[in-house]
Protein backbone atom coordinates (compact mmCIF):
# COMPACT_ATOMS: atom_id res chain seq x y z
CA ASP A 1 22.88 -40.40 22.14
CA ILE A 2 20.48 -41.51 19.41
CA ALA A 3 17.49 -41.12 21.72
CA ARG A 4 18.65 -37.65 22.72
CA LEU A 5 19.10 -36.61 19.06
CA GLU A 6 15.67 -38.02 18.16
CA ALA A 7 14.11 -36.05 21.02
CA PHE A 8 15.92 -32.93 19.85
CA ASP A 9 14.68 -33.53 16.28
CA ARG A 10 11.09 -33.85 17.56
CA ALA A 11 11.48 -30.61 19.55
CA VAL A 12 12.84 -28.76 16.50
CA LYS A 13 9.97 -30.03 14.34
CA LEU A 14 7.45 -28.99 16.99
CA ALA A 15 9.05 -25.54 17.26
CA ARG A 16 9.10 -25.15 13.49
CA GLY A 17 5.43 -26.12 13.26
CA THR A 18 4.50 -23.69 16.04
CA ILE A 19 6.42 -20.86 14.37
CA GLU A 20 4.77 -21.59 11.00
CA THR A 21 1.31 -21.58 12.62
CA HIS A 22 1.95 -18.24 14.33
CA LYS A 23 3.45 -16.79 11.14
CA ASP A 24 0.41 -17.89 9.14
CA ASP A 25 -1.92 -16.43 11.79
CA ALA A 26 0.00 -13.13 11.74
CA HIS A 27 -0.11 -12.98 7.92
CA ARG A 28 -3.87 -13.65 7.90
CA ALA A 29 -4.45 -10.95 10.52
CA PHE A 30 -2.25 -8.50 8.60
CA ALA A 31 -4.06 -9.27 5.33
CA ARG A 32 -7.49 -8.85 6.94
CA ARG A 33 -6.56 -5.51 8.53
CA LEU A 34 -4.99 -4.20 5.34
CA GLU A 35 -8.18 -5.10 3.46
CA GLU A 36 -10.26 -3.27 6.07
CA HIS A 37 -8.04 -0.16 5.99
CA GLY A 38 -7.57 -0.14 2.23
CA ALA A 39 -11.03 -0.87 0.80
CA PRO A 40 -12.69 2.46 1.71
CA VAL A 41 -9.76 4.48 0.38
CA LEU A 42 -9.60 2.39 -2.80
CA GLY A 43 -13.31 2.98 -3.36
CA GLU A 44 -12.81 6.70 -2.89
CA ILE A 45 -9.88 7.16 -5.26
CA THR A 46 -11.35 4.91 -7.98
CA ALA A 47 -14.71 6.74 -7.85
CA GLY A 48 -16.36 3.58 -6.52
CA ARG A 49 -15.18 1.34 -9.34
CA TYR A 50 -12.96 -0.84 -7.15
CA GLY A 51 -14.00 -1.14 -3.54
CA GLU A 52 -12.83 -4.57 -2.54
CA ILE A 53 -9.17 -5.39 -2.05
CA ARG A 54 -7.76 -8.78 -1.07
CA LEU A 55 -4.31 -9.64 0.16
CA ASP A 56 -3.22 -13.26 -0.14
CA ALA A 57 -2.01 -14.16 3.35
CA SER A 58 0.58 -16.65 2.11
CA THR A 59 2.11 -14.68 -0.77
CA LEU A 60 0.97 -11.12 0.14
CA ALA A 61 -0.17 -10.74 -3.50
CA ILE A 62 -2.76 -8.01 -3.97
CA ARG A 63 -6.03 -8.75 -5.74
CA VAL A 64 -9.23 -6.76 -6.35
CA ARG A 65 -12.80 -7.50 -7.34
CA ILE A 66 -13.39 -6.68 -11.01
CA PRO A 67 -16.81 -5.01 -11.40
CA GLU A 68 -17.54 -6.44 -14.87
CA THR A 69 -17.07 -10.07 -13.86
CA GLY A 70 -17.41 -9.98 -10.08
CA ALA A 71 -14.23 -12.07 -9.89
CA ILE A 72 -11.29 -11.37 -7.59
CA GLU A 73 -8.27 -10.95 -9.89
CA ASP A 74 -4.56 -10.19 -9.65
CA ILE A 75 -3.81 -6.52 -10.17
CA ASP A 76 -1.56 -7.27 -13.14
CA LYS A 77 -4.75 -7.44 -15.25
CA LEU A 78 -5.46 -3.76 -14.51
CA SER A 79 -4.13 -0.60 -16.13
CA ALA A 80 -0.85 0.87 -14.91
CA GLY A 81 -2.71 3.83 -13.42
CA THR A 82 -5.09 1.60 -11.46
CA ARG A 83 -2.19 -0.55 -10.24
CA ASP A 84 -0.48 2.65 -9.02
CA GLN A 85 -3.65 3.68 -7.20
CA ILE A 86 -3.84 0.30 -5.48
CA ALA A 87 -0.14 0.47 -4.56
CA LEU A 88 -0.74 3.88 -2.98
CA VAL A 89 -3.69 2.53 -0.99
CA VAL A 90 -1.58 -0.39 0.25
CA ARG A 91 1.24 1.99 1.29
CA PHE A 92 -1.16 4.22 3.21
CA ALA A 93 -2.86 1.25 4.87
CA THR A 94 0.45 -0.36 5.80
CA ALA A 95 1.85 2.86 7.24
CA ARG A 96 -1.35 3.43 9.22
CA MET A 97 -1.31 -0.11 10.59
CA PHE A 98 2.35 -0.03 11.64
CA ALA A 99 1.95 3.37 13.27
CA GLU A 100 -1.02 2.45 15.46
CA GLY A 101 -0.31 3.67 18.94
CA LEU A 102 2.92 5.34 17.84
CA GLU A 103 3.95 8.53 16.14
CA ALA A 104 3.12 8.15 12.46
CA PRO A 105 6.17 7.81 10.21
CA PRO A 106 6.56 10.21 7.28
CA LEU A 107 5.37 9.05 3.89
CA LEU A 108 7.86 9.47 1.06
CA LEU A 109 6.24 9.12 -2.34
CA ASP A 110 8.43 9.18 -5.45
CA ASP A 111 6.18 10.04 -8.43
CA PRO A 112 3.47 7.51 -7.58
CA PHE A 113 1.12 9.20 -10.06
CA ALA A 114 3.29 8.84 -13.18
CA TYR A 115 0.55 7.00 -15.13
CA TRP A 116 -2.45 8.87 -13.74
CA ASP A 117 -4.78 11.08 -15.71
CA ALA A 118 -6.13 14.38 -14.35
CA ALA A 119 -9.32 12.73 -13.02
CA ARG A 120 -7.37 10.16 -10.98
CA ILE A 121 -5.10 12.86 -9.59
CA ALA A 122 -8.11 14.98 -8.62
CA ARG A 123 -9.72 12.02 -6.78
CA CYS A 124 -6.50 11.05 -5.04
CA LEU A 125 -5.29 14.44 -3.82
CA PRO A 126 -7.93 14.70 -1.07
CA VAL A 127 -6.92 11.23 0.14
CA LEU A 128 -3.26 12.25 0.06
CA LEU A 129 -3.98 15.50 1.90
CA HIS A 130 -6.11 13.65 4.45
CA GLY A 131 -3.22 11.24 5.07
CA ALA A 132 -0.85 14.19 5.40
CA ARG A 133 -2.90 15.54 8.33
CA ASP A 134 -1.69 12.67 10.49
CA THR A 135 1.87 12.54 9.25
CA GLN A 136 4.40 14.35 7.16
CA CYS A 137 4.05 13.49 3.49
CA LEU A 138 6.76 14.25 0.95
CA LEU A 139 5.74 13.85 -2.67
CA PHE A 140 8.44 13.97 -5.32
CA THR A 141 7.24 14.48 -8.88
CA ALA A 142 8.47 15.50 -12.29
CA SER A 143 4.91 16.40 -13.31
CA PRO A 144 4.18 20.14 -13.39
CA ASP A 145 0.45 19.29 -13.51
CA LEU A 146 0.65 17.25 -10.31
CA ALA A 147 2.75 19.91 -8.58
CA ALA A 148 0.22 22.58 -9.59
CA ALA A 149 -2.74 20.46 -8.43
CA ALA A 150 -1.07 19.71 -5.08
CA THR A 151 -0.23 23.38 -4.59
CA ALA A 152 -3.82 24.37 -5.44
CA ALA A 153 -5.00 21.84 -2.83
CA GLY A 154 -2.88 23.47 -0.13
CA ALA A 155 0.42 21.62 -0.32
CA THR A 156 3.71 23.46 -0.10
CA CYS A 157 5.67 23.07 -3.32
CA LEU A 158 9.45 23.32 -3.53
CA THR A 159 10.97 23.33 -6.99
CA LEU A 160 14.52 22.15 -7.51
CA GLU A 161 15.89 24.23 -10.34
CA GLY A 162 19.06 23.45 -12.24
CA ALA A 163 19.60 20.04 -10.66
CA ALA A 164 21.63 17.98 -13.10
CA LEU A 165 23.15 14.54 -12.84
CA HIS A 166 26.82 14.19 -13.59
CA ALA A 167 28.32 10.90 -14.68
């Protein structure tokens, strides 16, 4: 019985090691593809300021190259607006990657531009509209400026009037 249990233990350890190796390989491949999909879009919506995105394969933490220092840094060192831009890029890239070969899922964005100035919104709207060509994109916002900019860019705007929350 001991020999059988030791053999089973060796088999479990071998299986666990094989699974970990394949998981690590899948994470590295995912990170590499997300970087490839995301970098051009990030460069476009940041007006060329940030054009290199990195995804840590083990933690899936997002990092970017900082132009002033040339260093790859965590995004928590960036402004809230820039972090939002990067999050949007990652969402688009992830959706695109998961939809390859399939019908693209709809994108639901709940006020992703809350901390963006008018220049960021203007740079991002073409990217958003481009992404909406391949899939349905629903953008929820409380910003009249964003709603007006999206409408001016060709989006259909629906306004919910009189909606109130009741406790």
